[in-house]
Amino acid sequence: MSTDILERPETQDQDTDDAPDMFHYVRKEKIAESAVMGTFVVALCGETFPVTKSPKPGSPVCPQCKEIYESMQH
């Protein structure tokens, strides 16, 4: 399974920009479809969201997605 990291903006409190965006691992082949068509992708942790941005180096990653992804590498 091929995965990549994508953003899922945290929607708890959109009035402040204090909280960093959280990025999730999703299936790579679904990224373009979601970005173009607006369809939702499912992250490894189970979160569903439309693709809106690409991560920048050093961006925070969802701890659950990271743990699942790393367990798949072995």
PDB file of N, CA and C in Angstrom:
ATOM      1  N   MET A   1       0.844  -1.166   0.000  1.00  0.00           N
ATOM      2  CA  MET A   1       0.000   0.000   0.000  1.00  0.00           C
ATOM      3  C   MET A   1       0.894   1.235   0.000  1.00  0.00           C
ATOM      4  N   SER A   2       0.637   2.147  -0.862  1.00  0.00           N
ATOM      5  CA  SER A   2       1.404   3.374  -0.946  1.00  0.00           C
ATOM      6  C   SER A   2       0.655   4.483  -0.213  1.00  0.00           C
ATOM      7  N   THR A   3       1.348   5.187   0.658  1.00  0.00           N
ATOM      8  CA  THR A   3       0.711   6.267   1.399  1.00  0.00           C
ATOM      9  C   THR A   3       1.515   7.540   1.286  1.00  0.00           C
ATOM     10  N   ASP A   4       0.881   8.647   1.589  1.00  0.00           N
ATOM     11  CA  ASP A   4       1.510   9.951   1.601  1.00  0.00           C
ATOM     12  C   ASP A   4       0.873  10.739   2.726  1.00  0.00           C
ATOM     13  N   ILE A   5       1.424  11.888   3.048  1.00  0.00           N
ATOM     14  CA  ILE A   5       0.866  12.709   4.116  1.00  0.00           C
ATOM     15  C   ILE A   5       0.082  13.858   3.498  1.00  0.00           C
ATOM     16  N   LEU A   6      -1.112  14.091   4.026  1.00  0.00           N
ATOM     17  CA  LEU A   6      -1.937  15.214   3.595  1.00  0.00           C
ATOM     18  C   LEU A   6      -2.536  15.912   4.789  1.00  0.00           C
ATOM     19  N   GLU A   7      -2.932  17.144   4.568  1.00  0.00           N
ATOM     20  CA  GLU A   7      -3.505  17.922   5.652  1.00  0.00           C
ATOM     21  C   GLU A   7      -4.974  17.617   5.868  1.00  0.00           C
ATOM     22  N   ARG A   8      -5.350  17.585   7.115  1.00  0.00           N
ATOM     23  CA  ARG A   8      -6.748  17.634   7.500  1.00  0.00           C
ATOM     24  C   ARG A   8      -6.813  18.742   8.526  1.00  0.00           C
ATOM     25  N   PRO A   9      -7.279  19.909   8.131  1.00  0.00           N
ATOM     26  CA  PRO A   9      -7.307  21.012   9.085  1.00  0.00           C
ATOM     27  C   PRO A   9      -8.138  20.647  10.304  1.00  0.00           C
ATOM     28  N   GLU A  10      -7.636  20.970  11.471  1.00  0.00           N
ATOM     29  CA  GLU A  10      -8.399  20.750  12.692  1.00  0.00           C
ATOM     30  C   GLU A  10      -9.533  21.762  12.707  1.00  0.00           C
ATOM     31  N   THR A  11     -10.747  21.298  12.947  1.00  0.00           N
ATOM     32  CA  THR A  11     -11.920  22.167  12.830  1.00  0.00           C
ATOM     33  C   THR A  11     -12.529  22.549  14.171  1.00  0.00           C
ATOM     34  N   GLN A  12     -11.846  22.250  15.273  1.00  0.00           N
ATOM     35  CA  GLN A  12     -12.412  22.529  16.582  1.00  0.00           C
ATOM     36  C   GLN A  12     -12.608  24.030  16.796  1.00  0.00           C
ATOM     37  N   ASP A  13     -11.620  24.834  16.446  1.00  0.00           N
ATOM     38  CA  ASP A  13     -11.683  26.262  16.705  1.00  0.00           C
ATOM     39  C   ASP A  13     -11.008  26.996  15.563  1.00  0.00           C
ATOM     40  N   GLN A  14     -11.762  27.290  14.531  1.00  0.00           N
ATOM     41  CA  GLN A  14     -11.179  27.899  13.351  1.00  0.00           C
ATOM     42  C   GLN A  14     -10.986  29.401  13.499  1.00  0.00           C
ATOM     43  N   ASP A  15     -11.404  29.983  14.606  1.00  0.00           N
ATOM     44  CA  ASP A  15     -11.246  31.419  14.798  1.00  0.00           C
ATOM     45  C   ASP A  15      -9.809  31.798  15.130  1.00  0.00           C
ATOM     46  N   THR A  16      -9.019  30.845  15.604  1.00  0.00           N
ATOM     47  CA  THR A  16      -7.637  31.141  15.966  1.00  0.00           C
ATOM     48  C   THR A  16      -6.698  30.357  15.071  1.00  0.00           C
ATOM     49  N   ASP A  17      -5.561  30.944  14.792  1.00  0.00           N
ATOM     50  CA  ASP A  17      -4.537  30.277  13.994  1.00  0.00           C
ATOM     51  C   ASP A  17      -3.432  29.722  14.878  1.00  0.00           C
ATOM     52  N   ASP A  18      -3.680  29.644  16.198  1.00  0.00           N
ATOM     53  CA  ASP A  18      -2.675  29.175  17.142  1.00  0.00           C
ATOM     54  C   ASP A  18      -2.337  27.703  16.928  1.00  0.00           C
ATOM     55  N   ALA A  19      -3.348  26.874  16.748  1.00  0.00           N
ATOM     56  CA  ALA A  19      -3.141  25.432  16.623  1.00  0.00           C
ATOM     57  C   ALA A  19      -2.581  25.115  15.238  1.00  0.00           C
ATOM     58  N   PRO A  20      -1.527  24.306  15.172  1.00  0.00           N
ATOM     59  CA  PRO A  20      -0.975  23.937  13.864  1.00  0.00           C
ATOM     60  C   PRO A  20      -1.900  22.962  13.143  1.00  0.00           C
ATOM     61  N   ASP A  21      -1.819  22.968  11.811  1.00  0.00           N
ATOM     62  CA  ASP A  21      -2.586  22.002  11.030  1.00  0.00           C
ATOM     63  C   ASP A  21      -2.010  20.619  11.285  1.00  0.00           C
ATOM     64  N   MET A  22      -2.880  19.622  11.312  1.00  0.00           N
ATOM     65  CA  MET A  22      -2.454  18.244  11.524  1.00  0.00           C
ATOM     66  C   MET A  22      -2.509  17.538  10.171  1.00  0.00           C
ATOM     67  N   PHE A  23      -1.464  16.821   9.856  1.00  0.00           N
ATOM     68  CA  PHE A  23      -1.411  16.096   8.600  1.00  0.00           C
ATOM     69  C   PHE A  23      -1.567  14.607   8.854  1.00  0.00           C
ATOM     70  N   HIS A  24      -2.228  13.925   7.919  1.00  0.00           N
ATOM     71  CA  HIS A  24      -2.542  12.509   8.056  1.00  0.00           C
ATOM     72  C   HIS A  24      -1.977  11.723   6.884  1.00  0.00           C
ATOM     73  N   TYR A  25      -1.711  10.431   7.106  1.00  0.00           N
ATOM     74  CA  TYR A  25      -1.309   9.533   6.023  1.00  0.00           C
ATOM     75  C   TYR A  25      -2.565   9.010   5.335  1.00  0.00           C
ATOM     76  N   VAL A  26      -2.563   9.105   4.000  1.00  0.00           N
ATOM     77  CA  VAL A  26      -3.677   8.584   3.199  1.00  0.00           C
ATOM     78  C   VAL A  26      -3.110   7.823   2.014  1.00  0.00           C
ATOM     79  N   ARG A  27      -3.965   7.044   1.340  1.00  0.00           N
ATOM     80  CA  ARG A  27      -3.515   6.303   0.154  1.00  0.00           C
ATOM     81  C   ARG A  27      -3.162   7.282  -0.952  1.00  0.00           C
ATOM     82  N   LYS A  28      -1.958   7.134  -1.463  1.00  0.00           N
ATOM     83  CA  LYS A  28      -1.401   8.063  -2.445  1.00  0.00           C
ATOM     84  C   LYS A  28      -2.278   8.207  -3.687  1.00  0.00           C
ATOM     85  N   GLU A  29      -2.828   7.089  -4.153  1.00  0.00           N
ATOM     86  CA  GLU A  29      -3.615   7.143  -5.397  1.00  0.00           C
ATOM     87  C   GLU A  29      -4.931   7.901  -5.243  1.00  0.00           C
ATOM     88  N   LYS A  30      -5.346   8.197  -4.030  1.00  0.00           N
ATOM     89  CA  LYS A  30      -6.595   8.925  -3.798  1.00  0.00           C
ATOM     90  C   LYS A  30      -6.395  10.435  -3.710  1.00  0.00           C
ATOM     91  N   ILE A  31      -5.139  10.883  -3.607  1.00  0.00           N
ATOM     92  CA  ILE A  31      -4.851  12.302  -3.405  1.00  0.00           C
ATOM     93  C   ILE A  31      -5.346  13.160  -4.561  1.00  0.00           C
ATOM     94  N   ALA A  32      -4.943  12.837  -5.783  1.00  0.00           N
ATOM     95  CA  ALA A  32      -5.317  13.647  -6.943  1.00  0.00           C
ATOM     96  C   ALA A  32      -6.829  13.647  -7.145  1.00  0.00           C
ATOM     97  N   GLU A  33      -7.440  12.482  -7.003  1.00  0.00           N
ATOM     98  CA  GLU A  33      -8.898  12.391  -7.165  1.00  0.00           C
ATOM     99  C   GLU A  33      -9.605  13.318  -6.183  1.00  0.00           C
ATOM    100  N   SER A  34      -9.177  13.294  -4.939  1.00  0.00           N
ATOM    101  CA  SER A  34      -9.800  14.135  -3.930  1.00  0.00           C
ATOM    102  C   SER A  34      -9.571  15.611  -4.217  1.00  0.00           C
ATOM    103  N   ALA A  35      -8.345  15.960  -4.611  1.00  0.00           N
ATOM    104  CA  ALA A  35      -8.021  17.354  -4.883  1.00  0.00           C
ATOM    105  C   ALA A  35      -8.832  17.911  -6.050  1.00  0.00           C
ATOM    106  N   VAL A  36      -9.039  17.080  -7.078  1.00  0.00           N
ATOM    107  CA  VAL A  36      -9.761  17.526  -8.275  1.00  0.00           C
ATOM    108  C   VAL A  36     -11.278  17.435  -8.096  1.00  0.00           C
ATOM    109  N   MET A  37     -11.738  16.300  -7.581  1.00  0.00           N
ATOM    110  CA  MET A  37     -13.175  16.049  -7.503  1.00  0.00           C
ATOM    111  C   MET A  37     -13.813  16.482  -6.180  1.00  0.00           C
ATOM    112  N   GLY A  38     -12.986  16.715  -5.170  1.00  0.00           N
ATOM    113  CA  GLY A  38     -13.526  17.094  -3.871  1.00  0.00           C
ATOM    114  C   GLY A  38     -14.033  15.913  -3.057  1.00  0.00           C
ATOM    115  N   THR A  39     -13.703  14.692  -3.487  1.00  0.00           N
ATOM    116  CA  THR A  39     -14.132  13.508  -2.748  1.00  0.00           C
ATOM    117  C   THR A  39     -13.330  13.403  -1.456  1.00  0.00           C
ATOM    118  N   PHE A  40     -13.849  12.651  -0.516  1.00  0.00           N
ATOM    119  CA  PHE A  40     -13.180  12.486   0.764  1.00  0.00           C
ATOM    120  C   PHE A  40     -12.196  11.327   0.701  1.00  0.00           C
ATOM    121  N   VAL A  41     -11.080  11.467   1.414  1.00  0.00           N
ATOM    122  CA  VAL A  41     -10.110  10.396   1.569  1.00  0.00           C
ATOM    123  C   VAL A  41     -10.204   9.897   2.999  1.00  0.00           C
ATOM    124  N   VAL A  42      -9.741   8.671   3.239  1.00  0.00           N
ATOM    125  CA  VAL A  42      -9.736   8.095   4.583  1.00  0.00           C
ATOM    126  C   VAL A  42      -8.284   7.925   5.008  1.00  0.00           C
ATOM    127  N   ALA A  43      -7.916   8.568   6.110  1.00  0.00           N
ATOM    128  CA  ALA A  43      -6.557   8.457   6.641  1.00  0.00           C
ATOM    129  C   ALA A  43      -6.381   7.122   7.337  1.00  0.00           C
ATOM    130  N   LEU A  44      -5.138   6.743   7.588  1.00  0.00           N
ATOM    131  CA  LEU A  44      -4.861   5.489   8.277  1.00  0.00           C
ATOM    132  C   LEU A  44      -5.544   5.438   9.641  1.00  0.00           C
ATOM    133  N   CYS A  45      -5.684   6.588  10.298  1.00  0.00           N
ATOM    134  CA  CYS A  45      -6.298   6.633  11.627  1.00  0.00           C
ATOM    135  C   CYS A  45      -7.817   6.594  11.568  1.00  0.00           C
ATOM    136  N   GLY A  46      -8.399   6.682  10.361  1.00  0.00           N
ATOM    137  CA  GLY A  46      -9.848   6.630  10.210  1.00  0.00           C
ATOM    138  C   GLY A  46     -10.498   7.975   9.945  1.00  0.00           C
ATOM    139  N   GLU A  47      -9.767   9.069  10.061  1.00  0.00           N
ATOM    140  CA  GLU A  47     -10.313  10.391   9.764  1.00  0.00           C
ATOM    141  C   GLU A  47     -10.677  10.459   8.282  1.00  0.00           C
ATOM    142  N   THR A  48     -11.781  11.133   7.964  1.00  0.00           N
ATOM    143  CA  THR A  48     -12.156  11.346   6.563  1.00  0.00           C
ATOM    144  C   THR A  48     -12.214  12.842   6.305  1.00  0.00           C
ATOM    145  N   PHE A  49     -11.731  13.251   5.129  1.00  0.00           N
ATOM    146  CA  PHE A  49     -11.671  14.672   4.798  1.00  0.00           C
ATOM    147  C   PHE A  49     -11.330  14.832   3.325  1.00  0.00           C
ATOM    148  N   PRO A  50     -11.647  15.993   2.727  1.00  0.00           N
ATOM    149  CA  PRO A  50     -11.222  16.262   1.354  1.00  0.00           C
ATOM    150  C   PRO A  50      -9.794  16.805   1.374  1.00  0.00           C
ATOM    151  N   VAL A  51      -9.028  16.534   0.333  1.00  0.00           N
ATOM    152  CA  VAL A  51      -7.659  17.039   0.228  1.00  0.00           C
ATOM    153  C   VAL A  51      -7.722  18.532  -0.056  1.00  0.00           C
ATOM    154  N   THR A  52      -7.024  19.313   0.775  1.00  0.00           N
ATOM    155  CA  THR A  52      -7.009  20.760   0.580  1.00  0.00           C
ATOM    156  C   THR A  52      -5.616  21.330   0.418  1.00  0.00           C
ATOM    157  N   LYS A  53      -4.601  20.693   1.003  1.00  0.00           N
ATOM    158  CA  LYS A  53      -3.229  21.201   0.941  1.00  0.00           C
ATOM    159  C   LYS A  53      -2.239  20.051   0.951  1.00  0.00           C
ATOM    160  N   SER A  54      -1.009  20.382   0.600  1.00  0.00           N
ATOM    161  CA  SER A  54       0.102  19.443   0.735  1.00  0.00           C
ATOM    162  C   SER A  54       0.907  19.851   1.955  1.00  0.00           C
ATOM    163  N   PRO A  55       1.510  18.889   2.645  1.00  0.00           N
ATOM    164  CA  PRO A  55       2.296  19.241   3.826  1.00  0.00           C
ATOM    165  C   PRO A  55       3.612  19.901   3.456  1.00  0.00           C
ATOM    166  N   LYS A  56       4.106  20.702   4.367  1.00  0.00           N
ATOM    167  CA  LYS A  56       5.431  21.293   4.225  1.00  0.00           C
ATOM    168  C   LYS A  56       6.372  20.538   5.149  1.00  0.00           C
ATOM    169  N   PRO A  57       7.653  20.503   4.846  1.00  0.00           N
ATOM    170  CA  PRO A  57       8.598  19.819   5.735  1.00  0.00           C
ATOM    171  C   PRO A  57       8.487  20.352   7.166  1.00  0.00           C
ATOM    172  N   GLY A  58       8.483  19.429   8.109  1.00  0.00           N
ATOM    173  CA  GLY A  58       8.386  19.817   9.513  1.00  0.00           C
ATOM    174  C   GLY A  58       6.976  19.997  10.023  1.00  0.00           C
ATOM    175  N   SER A  59       5.975  19.792   9.164  1.00  0.00           N
ATOM    176  CA  SER A  59       4.580  19.926   9.589  1.00  0.00           C
ATOM    177  C   SER A  59       4.228  18.822  10.573  1.00  0.00           C
ATOM    178  N   PRO A  60       3.357  19.099  11.558  1.00  0.00           N
ATOM    179  CA  PRO A  60       2.969  18.062  12.516  1.00  0.00           C
ATOM    180  C   PRO A  60       2.141  16.959  11.849  1.00  0.00           C
ATOM    181  N   VAL A  61       2.431  15.721  12.249  1.00  0.00           N
ATOM    182  CA  VAL A  61       1.752  14.556  11.695  1.00  0.00           C
ATOM    183  C   VAL A  61       0.887  13.929  12.780  1.00  0.00           C
ATOM    184  N   CYS A  62      -0.278  13.434  12.398  1.00  0.00           N
ATOM    185  CA  CYS A  62      -1.166  12.741  13.318  1.00  0.00           C
ATOM    186  C   CYS A  62      -0.420  11.582  13.966  1.00  0.00           C
ATOM    187  N   PRO A  63      -0.353  11.541  15.312  1.00  0.00           N
ATOM    188  CA  PRO A  63       0.374  10.461  15.983  1.00  0.00           C
ATOM    189  C   PRO A  63      -0.179   9.068  15.664  1.00  0.00           C
ATOM    190  N   GLN A  64      -1.493   8.948  15.531  1.00  0.00           N
ATOM    191  CA  GLN A  64      -2.087   7.638  15.219  1.00  0.00           C
ATOM    192  C   GLN A  64      -1.688   7.183  13.823  1.00  0.00           C
ATOM    193  N   CYS A  65      -1.767   8.092  12.847  1.00  0.00           N
ATOM    194  CA  CYS A  65      -1.367   7.750  11.479  1.00  0.00           C
ATOM    195  C   CYS A  65       0.095   7.345  11.437  1.00  0.00           C
ATOM    196  N   LYS A  66       0.938   8.104  12.132  1.00  0.00           N
ATOM    197  CA  LYS A  66       2.371   7.828  12.136  1.00  0.00           C
ATOM    198  C   LYS A  66       2.655   6.450  12.718  1.00  0.00           C
ATOM    199  N   GLU A  67       1.999   6.118  13.812  1.00  0.00           N
ATOM    200  CA  GLU A  67       2.199   4.824  14.456  1.00  0.00           C
ATOM    201  C   GLU A  67       1.766   3.679  13.537  1.00  0.00           C
ATOM    202  N   ILE A  68       0.613   3.822  12.908  1.00  0.00           N
ATOM    203  CA  ILE A  68       0.104   2.796  11.991  1.00  0.00           C
ATOM    204  C   ILE A  68       1.042   2.639  10.798  1.00  0.00           C
ATOM    205  N   TYR A  69       1.452   3.776  10.226  1.00  0.00           N
ATOM    206  CA  TYR A  69       2.345   3.743   9.063  1.00  0.00           C
ATOM    207  C   TYR A  69       3.661   3.061   9.395  1.00  0.00           C
ATOM    208  N   GLU A  70       4.240   3.416  10.548  1.00  0.00           N
ATOM    209  CA  GLU A  70       5.508   2.805  10.942  1.00  0.00           C
ATOM    210  C   GLU A  70       5.364   1.308  11.211  1.00  0.00           C
ATOM    211  N   SER A  71       4.225   0.876  11.723  1.00  0.00           N
ATOM    212  CA  SER A  71       4.025  -0.562  11.968  1.00  0.00           C
ATOM    213  C   SER A  71       3.882  -1.326  10.643  1.00  0.00           C
ATOM    214  N   MET A  72       3.446  -0.651   9.595  1.00  0.00           N
ATOM    215  CA  MET A  72       3.295  -1.279   8.276  1.00  0.00           C
ATOM    216  C   MET A  72       4.654  -1.468   7.596  1.00  0.00           C
ATOM    217  N   GLN A  73       5.650  -0.709   8.004  1.00  0.00           N
ATOM    218  CA  GLN A  73       6.961  -0.750   7.362  1.00  0.00           C
ATOM    219  C   GLN A  73       7.758  -1.996   7.733  1.00  0.00           C
ATOM    220  N   HIS A  74       7.375  -2.705   8.786  1.00  0.00           N
ATOM    221  CA  HIS A  74       8.155  -3.862   9.243  1.00  0.00           C
ATOM    222  C   HIS A  74       7.625  -5.142   8.686  1.00  0.00           C
TER     223      HIS A  74
END
